[in-house]
C-alpha atoms as a PDB file:
ATOM      1  CA  MET A   1      43.181 137.194  96.006  1.00  0.00           C
ATOM      2  CA  LEU A   2      46.801 136.054  95.930  1.00  0.00           C
ATOM      3  CA  TYR A   3      47.415 133.557  93.161  1.00  0.00           C
ATOM      4  CA  THR A   4      50.576 131.474  93.088  1.00  0.00           C
ATOM      5  CA  MET A   5      51.128 130.407  89.515  1.00  0.00           C
ATOM      6  CA  ALA A   6      53.885 127.978  90.453  1.00  0.00           C
ATOM      7  CA  THR A   7      51.455 125.749  92.325  1.00  0.00           C
ATOM      8  CA  ARG A   8      48.116 126.258  90.553  1.00  0.00           C
ATOM      9  CA  HIS A   9      48.735 125.232  86.947  1.00  0.00           C
ATOM     10  CA  ASP A  10      47.960 121.556  87.548  1.00  0.00           C
ATOM     11  CA  PHE A  11      45.821 119.517  85.179  1.00  0.00           C
ATOM     12  CA  LEU A  12      42.282 119.036  86.472  1.00  0.00           C
ATOM     13  CA  LYS A  13      40.032 116.086  85.813  1.00  0.00           C
ATOM     14  CA  GLU A  14      36.584 117.310  84.841  1.00  0.00           C
ATOM     15  CA  SER A  15      33.771 116.946  87.360  1.00  0.00           C
ATOM     16  CA  TYR A  16      31.324 116.022  84.585  1.00  0.00           C
ATOM     17  CA  ARG A  17      31.560 115.145  80.902  1.00  0.00           C
ATOM     18  CA  LEU A  18      28.168 115.652  79.288  1.00  0.00           C
ATOM     19  CA  ARG A  19      26.888 115.295  75.730  1.00  0.00           C
ATOM     20  CA  TYR A  20      25.092 118.498  74.920  1.00  0.00           C
ATOM     21  CA  LYS A  21      24.147 117.568  71.382  1.00  0.00           C
ATOM     22  CA  ASP A  22      23.403 114.249  69.659  1.00  0.00           C
ATOM     23  CA  ILE A  23      24.642 114.084  66.056  1.00  0.00           C
ATOM     24  CA  GLN A  24      24.688 111.013  63.845  1.00  0.00           C
ATOM     25  CA  GLY A  25      27.937 110.365  61.999  1.00  0.00           C
ATOM     26  CA  VAL A  26      30.112 112.071  64.627  1.00  0.00           C
ATOM     27  CA  GLU A  27      32.589 110.149  66.742  1.00  0.00           C
ATOM     28  CA  GLY A  28      31.262 109.751  70.258  1.00  0.00           C
ATOM     29  CA  GLY A  29      27.678 110.285  69.137  1.00  0.00           C
ATOM     30  CA  GLY A  30      27.822 114.093  69.106  1.00  0.00           C
ATOM     31  CA  CYS A  31      29.383 117.036  70.910  1.00  0.00           C
ATOM     32  CA  HIS A  32      30.362 117.010  74.578  1.00  0.00           C
ATOM     33  CA  LEU A  33      31.403 119.498  77.210  1.00  0.00           C
ATOM     34  CA  ASN A  34      33.605 119.180  80.276  1.00  0.00           C
ATOM     35  CA  VAL A  35      32.430 120.764  83.522  1.00  0.00           C
ATOM     36  CA  TYR A  36      34.814 121.887  86.278  1.00  0.00           C
ATOM     37  CA  LEU A  37      33.289 122.772  89.646  1.00  0.00           C
ATOM     38  CA  PRO A  38      34.734 125.024  92.348  1.00  0.00           C
ATOM     39  CA  GLN A  39      35.266 123.633  95.825  1.00  0.00           C
ATOM     40  CA  ASP A  40      33.936 124.797  99.190  1.00  0.00           C
ATOM     41  CA  VAL A  41      30.689 126.225  97.839  1.00  0.00           C
ATOM     42  CA  THR A  42      27.718 126.562 100.159  1.00  0.00           C
ATOM     43  CA  SER A  43      24.226 125.422  99.232  1.00  0.00           C
ATOM     44  CA  ALA A  44      23.050 129.046  99.425  1.00  0.00           C
ATOM     45  CA  GLU A  45      25.359 130.194  96.611  1.00  0.00           C
ATOM     46  CA  THR A  46      24.327 130.416  92.971  1.00  0.00           C
ATOM     47  CA  LEU A  47      27.290 130.291  90.614  1.00  0.00           C
ATOM     48  CA  PRO A  48      27.947 131.877  87.220  1.00  0.00           C
ATOM     49  CA  VAL A  49      29.516 130.003  84.297  1.00  0.00           C
ATOM     50  CA  VAL A  50      32.461 130.718  82.023  1.00  0.00           C
ATOM     51  CA  MET A  51      32.413 128.727  78.785  1.00  0.00           C
ATOM     52  CA  MET A  52      35.746 128.009  77.079  1.00  0.00           C
ATOM     53  CA  ILE A  53      36.264 127.403  73.348  1.00  0.00           C
ATOM     54  CA  ARG A  54      39.739 125.986  72.701  1.00  0.00           C
ATOM     55  CA  GLY A  55      41.901 126.669  69.686  1.00  0.00           C
ATOM     56  CA  GLY A  56      43.230 124.154  67.171  1.00  0.00           C
ATOM     57  CA  GLY A  57      43.000 125.659  63.707  1.00  0.00           C
ATOM     58  CA  PHE A  58      39.445 124.280  63.243  1.00  0.00           C
ATOM     59  CA  TRP A  59      41.049 120.887  62.498  1.00  0.00           C
ATOM     60  CA  VAL A  60      42.244 119.619  65.881  1.00  0.00           C
ATOM     61  CA  GLY A  61      41.575 120.261  69.540  1.00  0.00           C
ATOM     62  CA  ALA A  62      39.913 118.672  72.524  1.00  0.00           C
ATOM     63  CA  ALA A  63      37.879 119.849  75.489  1.00  0.00           C
ATOM     64  CA  HIS A  64      40.722 119.010  77.883  1.00  0.00           C
ATOM     65  CA  LEU A  65      43.239 121.194  76.005  1.00  0.00           C
ATOM     66  CA  ILE A  66      42.588 124.386  77.945  1.00  0.00           C
ATOM     67  CA  PRO A  67      44.826 126.626  80.074  1.00  0.00           C
ATOM     68  CA  TYR A  68      44.434 125.148  83.528  1.00  0.00           C
ATOM     69  CA  ASN A  69      46.067 128.103  85.255  1.00  0.00           C
ATOM     70  CA  GLN A  70      43.102 130.158  84.051  1.00  0.00           C
ATOM     71  CA  VAL A  71      40.677 127.396  85.024  1.00  0.00           C
ATOM     72  CA  HIS A  72      42.075 127.437  88.565  1.00  0.00           C
ATOM     73  CA  TYR A  73      41.796 131.224  88.685  1.00  0.00           C
ATOM     74  CA  LEU A  74      38.128 131.100  87.732  1.00  0.00           C
ATOM     75  CA  LEU A  75      37.355 128.259  90.132  1.00  0.00           C
ATOM     76  CA  ASP A  76      38.990 130.251  92.913  1.00  0.00           C
ATOM     77  CA  HIS A  77      36.437 132.973  92.150  1.00  0.00           C
ATOM     78  CA  LYS A  78      33.603 130.444  92.458  1.00  0.00           C
ATOM     79  CA  VAL A  79      32.872 130.271  88.754  1.00  0.00           C
ATOM     80  CA  VAL A  80      31.814 127.026  87.062  1.00  0.00           C
ATOM     81  CA  VAL A  81      34.067 126.379  84.049  1.00  0.00           C
ATOM     82  CA  VAL A  82      32.700 124.585  80.987  1.00  0.00           C
ATOM     83  CA  SER A  83      34.969 123.589  78.087  1.00  0.00           C
ATOM     84  CA  ILE A  84      33.073 122.689  74.934  1.00  0.00           C
ATOM     85  CA  GLU A  85      33.655 120.602  71.831  1.00  0.00           C
ATOM     86  CA  HIS A  86      32.531 121.600  68.371  1.00  0.00           C
ATOM     87  CA  ARG A  87      32.674 119.749  65.073  1.00  0.00           C
ATOM     88  CA  LEU A  88      35.878 120.034  63.060  1.00  0.00           C
ATOM     89  CA  LEU A  89      37.107 120.343  59.503  1.00  0.00           C
ATOM     90  CA  PRO A  90      37.063 118.763  56.982  1.00  0.00           C
ATOM     91  CA  HIS A  91      33.563 117.257  57.426  1.00  0.00           C
ATOM     92  CA  CYS A  92      32.030 120.395  58.918  1.00  0.00           C
ATOM     93  CA  HIS A  93      32.493 124.082  58.284  1.00  0.00           C
ATOM     94  CA  ILE A  94      31.994 127.423  59.979  1.00  0.00           C
ATOM     95  CA  GLU A  95      28.180 127.245  59.805  1.00  0.00           C
ATOM     96  CA  GLU A  96      28.056 123.941  61.700  1.00  0.00           C
ATOM     97  CA  MET A  97      30.667 125.126  64.194  1.00  0.00           C
ATOM     98  CA  ARG A  98      28.622 128.239  64.922  1.00  0.00           C
ATOM     99  CA  HIS A  99      25.525 126.109  65.491  1.00  0.00           C
ATOM    100  CA  ASP A 100      27.457 123.845  67.866  1.00  0.00           C
ATOM    101  CA  CYS A 101      28.703 126.765  69.963  1.00  0.00           C
ATOM    102  CA  LEU A 102      25.225 128.272  70.140  1.00  0.00           C
ATOM    103  CA  ASP A 103      23.731 124.928  71.158  1.00  0.00           C
ATOM    104  CA  ALA A 104      26.391 124.591  73.876  1.00  0.00           C
ATOM    105  CA  LEU A 105      25.517 128.034  75.208  1.00  0.00           C
ATOM    106  CA  ARG A 106      21.804 127.225  75.261  1.00  0.00           C
ATOM    107  CA  TYR A 107      22.568 123.950  77.056  1.00  0.00           C
ATOM    108  CA  CYS A 108      24.524 125.836  79.729  1.00  0.00           C
ATOM    109  CA  GLN A 109      21.711 128.374  80.072  1.00  0.00           C
ATOM    110  CA  GLU A 110      18.810 125.937  80.166  1.00  0.00           C
ATOM    111  CA  ARG A 111      19.934 122.409  81.095  1.00  0.00           C
ATOM    112  CA  LEU A 112      23.315 122.410  82.833  1.00  0.00           C
ATOM    113  CA  GLY A 113      21.754 123.166  86.204  1.00  0.00           C
ATOM    114  CA  GLU A 114      19.604 120.046  85.910  1.00  0.00           C
ATOM    115  CA  GLN A 115      22.640 117.816  85.314  1.00  0.00           C
ATOM    116  CA  VAL A 116      24.936 119.245  87.982  1.00  0.00           C
ATOM    117  CA  GLN A 117      23.554 118.627  91.449  1.00  0.00           C
ATOM    118  CA  GLU A 118      26.443 119.739  93.677  1.00  0.00           C
ATOM    119  CA  VAL A 119      26.007 123.468  93.048  1.00  0.00           C
ATOM    120  CA  HIS A 120      23.315 125.907  91.957  1.00  0.00           C
ATOM    121  CA  ILE A 121      24.028 127.353  88.524  1.00  0.00           C
ATOM    122  CA  ASP A 122      22.799 130.704  87.243  1.00  0.00           C
ATOM    123  CA  GLY A 123      22.213 130.034  83.550  1.00  0.00           C
ATOM    124  CA  SER A 124      21.636 133.735  82.888  1.00  0.00           C
ATOM    125  CA  LYS A 125      25.168 134.625  84.002  1.00  0.00           C
ATOM    126  CA  ILE A 126      27.566 133.267  81.398  1.00  0.00           C
ATOM    127  CA  GLY A 127      30.827 134.575  79.985  1.00  0.00           C
ATOM    128  CA  VAL A 128      32.789 133.098  77.072  1.00  0.00           C
ATOM    129  CA  LEU A 129      36.545 132.744  76.551  1.00  0.00           C
ATOM    130  CA  GLY A 130      38.113 131.731  73.234  1.00  0.00           C
ATOM    131  CA  TRP A 131      41.640 131.307  71.924  1.00  0.00           C
ATOM    132  CA  SER A 132      42.706 131.579  68.268  1.00  0.00           C
ATOM    133  CA  ALA A 133      40.149 129.515  66.296  1.00  0.00           C
ATOM    134  CA  GLY A 134      38.029 129.474  69.456  1.00  0.00           C
ATOM    135  CA  ALA A 135      38.284 133.260  69.614  1.00  0.00           C
ATOM    136  CA  LEU A 136      36.699 133.545  66.171  1.00  0.00           C
ATOM    137  CA  LEU A 137      33.889 131.236  67.285  1.00  0.00           C
ATOM    138  CA  ALA A 138      33.411 133.262  70.486  1.00  0.00           C
ATOM    139  CA  ILE A 139      32.934 136.410  68.404  1.00  0.00           C
ATOM    140  CA  TYR A 140      30.374 134.688  66.188  1.00  0.00           C
ATOM    141  CA  LEU A 141      28.655 133.259  69.281  1.00  0.00           C
ATOM    142  CA  ALA A 142      28.230 136.698  70.843  1.00  0.00           C
ATOM    143  CA  HIS A 143      26.484 137.750  67.630  1.00  0.00           C
ATOM    144  CA  ASP A 144      24.462 134.584  67.004  1.00  0.00           C
ATOM    145  CA  ALA A 145      23.168 134.302  70.574  1.00  0.00           C
ATOM    146  CA  SER A 146      21.664 137.769  70.543  1.00  0.00           C
ATOM    147  CA  LEU A 147      19.723 137.319  67.314  1.00  0.00           C
ATOM    148  CA  ASN A 148      15.937 137.390  67.600  1.00  0.00           C
ATOM    149  CA  GLY A 149      16.108 138.672  71.157  1.00  0.00           C
ATOM    150  CA  GLY A 150      18.064 135.699  72.496  1.00  0.00           C
ATOM    151  CA  LEU A 151      20.183 135.865  75.635  1.00  0.00           C
ATOM    152  CA  GLY A 152      23.871 136.071  74.802  1.00  0.00           C
ATOM    153  CA  PRO A 153      26.976 135.977  76.971  1.00  0.00           C
ATOM    154  CA  LEU A 154      27.384 138.844  79.420  1.00  0.00           C
ATOM    155  CA  ALA A 155      30.999 139.274  78.307  1.00  0.00           C
ATOM    156  CA  ILE A 156      33.595 137.584  76.134  1.00  0.00           C
ATOM    157  CA  SER A 157      37.370 137.348  76.078  1.00  0.00           C
ATOM    158  CA  VAL A 158      39.223 136.572  72.849  1.00  0.00           C
ATOM    159  CA  THR A 159      42.938 135.759  72.730  1.00  0.00           C
ATOM    160  CA  TYR A 160      44.741 136.389  69.435  1.00  0.00           C
ATOM    161  CA  PRO A 161      41.484 136.354  67.433  1.00  0.00           C
ATOM    162  CA  PRO A 162      41.604 136.010  63.631  1.00  0.00           C
ATOM    163  CA  THR A 163      39.471 138.864  62.349  1.00  0.00           C
ATOM    164  CA  ASP A 164      40.917 139.524  58.875  1.00  0.00           C
ATOM    165  CA  MET A 165      40.113 136.746  56.424  1.00  0.00           C
ATOM    166  CA  SER A 166      41.658 138.565  53.467  1.00  0.00           C
ATOM    167  CA  GLY A 167      45.306 138.442  54.497  1.00  0.00           C
ATOM    168  CA  SER A 168      46.239 134.760  54.243  1.00  0.00           C
ATOM    169  CA  ASN A 169      44.885 131.199  54.050  1.00  0.00           C
ATOM    170  CA  ASN A 170      42.350 132.294  51.458  1.00  0.00           C
ATOM    171  CA  ARG A 171      43.729 130.768  48.281  1.00  0.00           C
ATOM    172  CA  PRO A 172      41.111 129.068  46.041  1.00  0.00           C
ATOM    173  CA  LYS A 173      40.124 125.465  46.694  1.00  0.00           C
ATOM    174  CA  SER A 174      41.714 124.489  43.380  1.00  0.00           C
ATOM    175  CA  ASP A 175      45.162 125.116  44.901  1.00  0.00           C
ATOM    176  CA  PHE A 176      44.594 122.390  47.478  1.00  0.00           C
ATOM    177  CA  GLU A 177      42.899 120.112  44.977  1.00  0.00           C
ATOM    178  CA  SER A 178      45.892 120.433  42.664  1.00  0.00           C
ATOM    179  CA  LYS A 179      48.122 119.444  45.546  1.00  0.00           C
ATOM    180  CA  LEU A 180      46.038 116.308  46.064  1.00  0.00           C
ATOM    181  CA  GLU A 181      46.042 115.387  42.381  1.00  0.00           C
ATOM    182  CA  ALA A 182      49.826 115.733  42.241  1.00  0.00           C
ATOM    183  CA  ASP A 183      50.378 113.401  45.200  1.00  0.00           C
ATOM    184  CA  SER A 184      48.552 110.068  45.053  1.00  0.00           C
ATOM    185  CA  THR A 185      49.483 109.209  48.665  1.00  0.00           C
ATOM    186  CA  LEU A 186      48.111 112.503  49.921  1.00  0.00           C
ATOM    187  CA  LYS A 187      44.961 112.020  47.836  1.00  0.00           C
ATOM    188  CA  ALA A 188      44.422 108.544  49.311  1.00  0.00           C
ATOM    189  CA  GLN A 189      44.839 109.926  52.830  1.00  0.00           C
ATOM    190  CA  TRP A 190      42.337 112.707  52.097  1.00  0.00           C
ATOM    191  CA  ASP A 191      39.802 110.223  50.709  1.00  0.00           C
ATOM    192  CA  SER A 192      40.266 107.959  53.726  1.00  0.00           C
ATOM    193  CA  LEU A 193      39.689 110.838  56.120  1.00  0.00           C
ATOM    194  CA  MET A 194      36.619 112.091  54.252  1.00  0.00           C
ATOM    195  CA  HIS A 195      35.043 108.617  54.209  1.00  0.00           C
ATOM    196  CA  GLY A 196      35.434 108.323  57.967  1.00  0.00           C
ATOM    197  CA  PRO A 197      33.232 109.863  60.662  1.00  0.00           C
ATOM    198  CA  ALA A 198      33.274 113.525  61.562  1.00  0.00           C
ATOM    199  CA  SER A 199      35.105 114.515  64.730  1.00  0.00           C
ATOM    200  CA  SER A 200      34.414 117.076  67.430  1.00  0.00           C
ATOM    201  CA  ASP A 201      37.273 116.196  69.766  1.00  0.00           C
ATOM    202  CA  TRP A 202      40.661 115.178  68.416  1.00  0.00           C
ATOM    203  CA  SER A 203      44.160 115.499  69.789  1.00  0.00           C
ATOM    204  CA  PRO A 204      47.420 113.560  69.609  1.00  0.00           C
ATOM    205  CA  LEU A 205      47.846 114.426  73.293  1.00  0.00           C
ATOM    206  CA  PRO A 206      46.289 112.446  76.140  1.00  0.00           C
ATOM    207  CA  PRO A 207      44.562 114.240  79.036  1.00  0.00           C
ATOM    208  CA  GLY A 208      47.096 115.891  81.315  1.00  0.00           C
ATOM    209  CA  LEU A 209      49.522 116.619  78.477  1.00  0.00           C
ATOM    210  CA  MET A 210      49.271 120.135  77.126  1.00  0.00           C
ATOM    211  CA  PRO A 211      50.203 121.721  73.763  1.00  0.00           C
ATOM    212  CA  GLY A 212      53.426 123.187  75.101  1.00  0.00           C
ATOM    213  CA  GLN A 213      54.719 119.713  75.883  1.00  0.00           C
ATOM    214  CA  LEU A 214      54.736 118.695  72.230  1.00  0.00           C
ATOM    215  CA  ALA A 215      58.413 119.587  72.066  1.00  0.00           C
ATOM    216  CA  ASN A 216      59.099 116.896  74.664  1.00  0.00           C
ATOM    217  CA  VAL A 217      56.901 114.215  73.104  1.00  0.00           C
ATOM    218  CA  PRO A 218      57.899 112.225  70.002  1.00  0.00           C
ATOM    219  CA  PRO A 219      55.441 112.900  67.166  1.00  0.00           C
ATOM    220  CA  PRO A 220      52.982 110.064  66.602  1.00  0.00           C
ATOM    221  CA  GLN A 221      54.106 107.542  64.019  1.00  0.00           C
ATOM    222  CA  PRO A 222      52.744 107.208  61.518  1.00  0.00           C
ATOM    223  CA  MET A 223      51.515 110.778  61.401  1.00  0.00           C
ATOM    224  CA  PRO A 224      47.695 110.754  61.702  1.00  0.00           C
ATOM    225  CA  GLU A 225      45.838 111.575  58.495  1.00  0.00           C
ATOM    226  CA  ARG A 226      44.101 114.480  60.223  1.00  0.00           C
ATOM    227  CA  MET A 227      47.420 116.139  61.075  1.00  0.00           C
ATOM    228  CA  ILE A 228      48.783 115.538  57.572  1.00  0.00           C
ATOM    229  CA  MET A 229      45.739 117.205  55.994  1.00  0.00           C
ATOM    230  CA  PHE A 230      45.808 120.086  58.464  1.00  0.00           C
ATOM    231  CA  PHE A 231      49.430 120.861  57.582  1.00  0.00           C
ATOM    232  CA  ALA A 232      48.696 120.421  53.867  1.00  0.00           C
ATOM    233  CA  GLN A 233      45.940 123.036  54.022  1.00  0.00           C
ATOM    234  CA  ILE A 234      48.170 125.411  55.956  1.00  0.00           C
ATOM    235  CA  HIS A 235      50.948 124.984  53.391  1.00  0.00           C
ATOM    236  CA  SER A 236      48.539 125.517  50.491  1.00  0.00           C
ATOM    237  CA  GLU A 237      47.057 128.579  52.284  1.00  0.00           C
ATOM    238  CA  THR A 238      43.490 127.346  51.869  1.00  0.00           C
ATOM    239  CA  LEU A 239      42.408 126.989  55.508  1.00  0.00           C
ATOM    240  CA  PHE A 240      39.856 129.818  55.531  1.00  0.00           C
ATOM    241  CA  THR A 241      38.575 128.791  52.107  1.00  0.00           C
ATOM    242  CA  TYR A 242      37.731 125.329  53.429  1.00  0.00           C
ATOM    243  CA  LEU A 243      36.452 126.768  56.708  1.00  0.00           C
ATOM    244  CA  TYR A 244      33.923 128.920  54.833  1.00  0.00           C
ATOM    245  CA  ASP A 245      33.485 126.154  52.224  1.00  0.00           C
ATOM    246  CA  HIS A 246      33.908 128.301  49.118  1.00  0.00           C
ATOM    247  CA  ASP A 247      36.426 130.566  47.459  1.00  0.00           C
ATOM    248  CA  PRO A 248      36.571 134.190  48.629  1.00  0.00           C
ATOM    249  CA  PRO A 249      34.889 136.582  48.932  1.00  0.00           C
ATOM    250  CA  TYR A 250      33.153 134.760  51.773  1.00  0.00           C
ATOM    251  CA  THR A 251      29.413 135.073  52.230  1.00  0.00           C
ATOM    252  CA  GLN A 252      29.624 134.796  56.029  1.00  0.00           C
ATOM    253  CA  PRO A 253      30.158 138.170  57.706  1.00  0.00           C
ATOM    254  CA  SER A 254      33.616 138.814  59.075  1.00  0.00           C
ATOM    255  CA  PRO A 255      34.138 139.360  62.811  1.00  0.00           C
ATOM    256  CA  LEU A 256      34.626 143.061  62.162  1.00  0.00           C
ATOM    257  CA  ASP A 257      31.311 143.221  60.292  1.00  0.00           C
ATOM    258  CA  ILE A 258      29.330 141.885  63.263  1.00  0.00           C
ATOM    259  CA  ALA A 259      31.117 143.848  65.991  1.00  0.00           C
ATOM    260  CA  ASP A 260      28.441 146.503  66.458  1.00  0.00           C
ATOM    261  CA  SER A 261      27.088 148.621  69.291  1.00  0.00           C
ATOM    262  CA  HIS A 262      25.040 145.691  70.636  1.00  0.00           C
ATOM    263  CA  PHE A 263      28.126 143.565  71.231  1.00  0.00           C
ATOM    264  CA  PRO A 264      28.811 142.442  74.834  1.00  0.00           C
ATOM    265  CA  PRO A 265      31.777 143.816  76.797  1.00  0.00           C
ATOM    266  CA  THR A 266      34.883 142.321  75.213  1.00  0.00           C
ATOM    267  CA  ALA A 267      38.431 141.764  76.435  1.00  0.00           C
ATOM    268  CA  ILE A 268      41.166 141.055  73.887  1.00  0.00           C
ATOM    269  CA  VAL A 269      44.544 139.493  74.627  1.00  0.00           C
ATOM    270  CA  MET A 270      47.178 140.300  72.004  1.00  0.00           C
ATOM    271  CA  ALA A 271      50.378 138.254  71.738  1.00  0.00           C
ATOM    272  CA  GLU A 272      52.883 140.853  70.583  1.00  0.00           C
ATOM    273  CA  SER A 273      55.201 138.361  68.831  1.00  0.00           C
ATOM    274  CA  ASP A 274      52.474 136.213  67.272  1.00  0.00           C
ATOM    275  CA  LYS A 275      53.842 134.549  64.121  1.00  0.00           C
ATOM    276  CA  VAL A 276      50.521 132.931  63.173  1.00  0.00           C
ATOM    277  CA  ILE A 277      47.869 135.646  63.492  1.00  0.00           C
ATOM    278  CA  PRO A 278      49.098 139.213  62.919  1.00  0.00           C
ATOM    279  CA  ILE A 279      48.542 141.504  65.901  1.00  0.00           C
ATOM    280  CA  SER A 280      46.700 143.863  63.564  1.00  0.00           C
ATOM    281  CA  ASN A 281      43.748 141.449  63.867  1.00  0.00           C
ATOM    282  CA  SER A 282      43.422 142.113  67.600  1.00  0.00           C
ATOM    283  CA  GLN A 283      43.987 145.838  67.194  1.00  0.00           C
ATOM    284  CA  ALA A 284      41.359 146.106  64.457  1.00  0.00           C
ATOM    285  CA  LEU A 285      38.738 144.412  66.623  1.00  0.00           C
ATOM    286  CA  TYR A 286      39.536 146.659  69.564  1.00  0.00           C
ATOM    287  CA  ASP A 287      39.378 149.790  67.395  1.00  0.00           C
ATOM    288  CA  LYS A 288      36.021 148.719  65.943  1.00  0.00           C
ATOM    289  CA  LEU A 289      34.506 148.028  69.365  1.00  0.00           C
ATOM    290  CA  GLN A 290      35.788 151.327  70.719  1.00  0.00           C
ATOM    291  CA  ALA A 291      34.313 153.180  67.753  1.00  0.00           C
ATOM    292  CA  LYS A 292      30.950 151.501  68.418  1.00  0.00           C
ATOM    293  CA  GLY A 293      31.014 152.418  72.102  1.00  0.00           C
ATOM    294  CA  VAL A 294      31.291 148.822  73.327  1.00  0.00           C
ATOM    295  CA  PRO A 295      33.057 148.420  76.701  1.00  0.00           C
ATOM    296  CA  SER A 296      36.307 146.795  75.666  1.00  0.00           C
ATOM    297  CA  ALA A 297      39.918 146.419  76.722  1.00  0.00           C
ATOM    298  CA  LEU A 298      43.107 145.360  74.954  1.00  0.00           C
ATOM    299  CA  PHE A 299      45.761 143.546  76.995  1.00  0.00           C
ATOM    300  CA  THR A 300      49.177 143.090  75.390  1.00  0.00           C
ATOM    301  CA  CYS A 301      51.562 140.282  76.299  1.00  0.00           C
ATOM    302  CA  HIS A 302      54.912 141.649  75.143  1.00  0.00           C
ATOM    303  CA  GLY A 303      57.144 139.055  73.522  1.00  0.00           C
ATOM    304  CA  MET A 304      54.434 136.365  73.551  1.00  0.00           C
ATOM    305  CA  ASP A 305      54.017 134.092  70.513  1.00  0.00           C
ATOM    306  CA  HIS A 306      50.951 132.213  69.320  1.00  0.00           C
ATOM    307  CA  ILE A 307      49.615 129.437  71.600  1.00  0.00           C
ATOM    308  CA  GLN A 308      51.726 130.533  74.581  1.00  0.00           C
ATOM    309  CA  ALA A 309      48.713 132.012  76.379  1.00  0.00           C
ATOM    310  CA  GLU A 310      47.160 128.538  76.311  1.00  0.00           C
ATOM    311  CA  CYS A 311      50.153 126.645  77.697  1.00  0.00           C
ATOM    312  CA  LEU A 312      50.913 125.713  81.246  1.00  0.00           C
ATOM    313  CA  ALA A 313      53.967 127.381  82.716  1.00  0.00           C
ATOM    314  CA  THR A 314      55.580 123.996  83.302  1.00  0.00           C
ATOM    315  CA  ALA A 315      54.620 122.674  79.887  1.00  0.00           C
ATOM    316  CA  ASP A 316      56.116 125.461  77.809  1.00  0.00           C
ATOM    317  CA  PRO A 317      58.067 127.596  80.297  1.00  0.00           C
ATOM    318  CA  TRP A 318      57.316 131.249  80.044  1.00  0.00           C
ATOM    319  CA  PRO A 319      60.506 133.325  80.050  1.00  0.00           C
ATOM    320  CA  ALA A 320      61.444 134.339  83.582  1.00  0.00           C
ATOM    321  CA  ASN A 321      61.519 137.997  82.585  1.00  0.00           C
ATOM    322  CA  ARG A 322      58.020 137.801  81.077  1.00  0.00           C
ATOM    323  CA  LYS A 323      56.133 135.436  83.395  1.00  0.00           C
ATOM    324  CA  ALA A 324      54.826 138.027  85.860  1.00  0.00           C
ATOM    325  CA  GLU A 325      53.914 140.488  83.100  1.00  0.00           C
ATOM    326  CA  TRP A 326      52.070 137.886  81.018  1.00  0.00           C
ATOM    327  CA  TRP A 327      50.160 136.530  83.979  1.00  0.00           C
ATOM    328  CA  GLU A 328      49.158 140.050  85.014  1.00  0.00           C
ATOM    329  CA  ALA A 329      47.796 140.762  81.513  1.00  0.00           C
ATOM    330  CA  ILE A 330      45.878 137.479  81.420  1.00  0.00           C
ATOM    331  CA  THR A 331      44.366 137.916  84.886  1.00  0.00           C
ATOM    332  CA  GLN A 332      43.392 141.508  84.098  1.00  0.00           C
ATOM    333  CA  ASN A 333      41.629 140.089  81.054  1.00  0.00           C
ATOM    334  CA  LEU A 334      39.814 137.529  83.216  1.00  0.00           C
ATOM    335  CA  ASP A 335      38.927 140.187  85.780  1.00  0.00           C
ATOM    336  CA  PHE A 336      37.413 142.315  83.005  1.00  0.00           C
ATOM    337  CA  VAL A 337      35.091 139.429  82.110  1.00  0.00           C
ATOM    338  CA  LEU A 338      34.235 138.649  85.741  1.00  0.00           C
ATOM    339  CA  ASP A 339      33.459 142.297  86.445  1.00  0.00           C
ATOM    340  CA  ALA A 340      31.164 142.502  83.404  1.00  0.00           C
ATOM    341  CA  MET A 341      29.427 139.348  84.655  1.00  0.00           C
ATOM    342  CA  GLY A 342      28.900 140.922  88.094  1.00  0.00           C
ATOM    343  CA  VAL A 343      31.235 138.489  89.871  1.00  0.00           C
ATOM    344  CA  ALA A 344      32.779 139.842  93.051  1.00  0.00           C
ATOM    345  CA  PHE A 345      36.569 139.484  93.315  1.00  0.00           C
END
């Protein structure tokens, strides 16, 4: 199928926004998901689902902040796209986030078809895509969903996944606490944030405005407390410590620990010039899956930096000499997932 990137990167309004999980103390009453439906589907067709888990450093992110060029590509292949929320730091940690993702998967498998009347949905045919923080959660989801004989995703795709928790962002909590004690304004902002409700969907960007457009948008003033705390944890290198909620070594298994022979087929997109997550993280996951005999593929976007795979071409223009190459790598990654799901293309 010919795909013209120049005309198919447009923002899409979701067909449905559904709450898949009620949680007290969370803004909006719980966690939601956005559903995007393909067009021109006959009543005789039963459609598979691809579930998206956006990035955002576990602190920020929203269900509408997804790469719409990839959404269009999947819709063109008659796949229902579902973008999920999950709870965020600092009120919730990796355990709660894993539960949220698993609950979203079970909702798509068991209840989504009841809520969406326009098309028939095959809840047994689900793939998962994740980027950055969402890639880590996609890896955990593939593991968690298969426990106790449960039905997991048929395939996953992870773009610049963090798989090595020992390299950075693992300083002890006391480093961040010392930073708070030394700055009374920062401490007051932290206390204010912690006394407020938890969030599962937060972004300084309105729908239709993507991460790559931040350079063209004045930063919000005053800077939101959530963004201030996110940057403070990055600067104090304590992000993973707060994500796992204790000083290292972490009790939760690492992504490389759970990547075993029972893992689903996995595609990995590696941004060669990633300044946030070293490319060794992607390579290590690929090597582990290959050693375990798991069908897997590694697609390299040469010259790509972190977050660029998630941006619209018009929002953060891809270099002219890289655009075709990057799009080919990303679509090959999507085709890998579709093929593992049994989707004809």
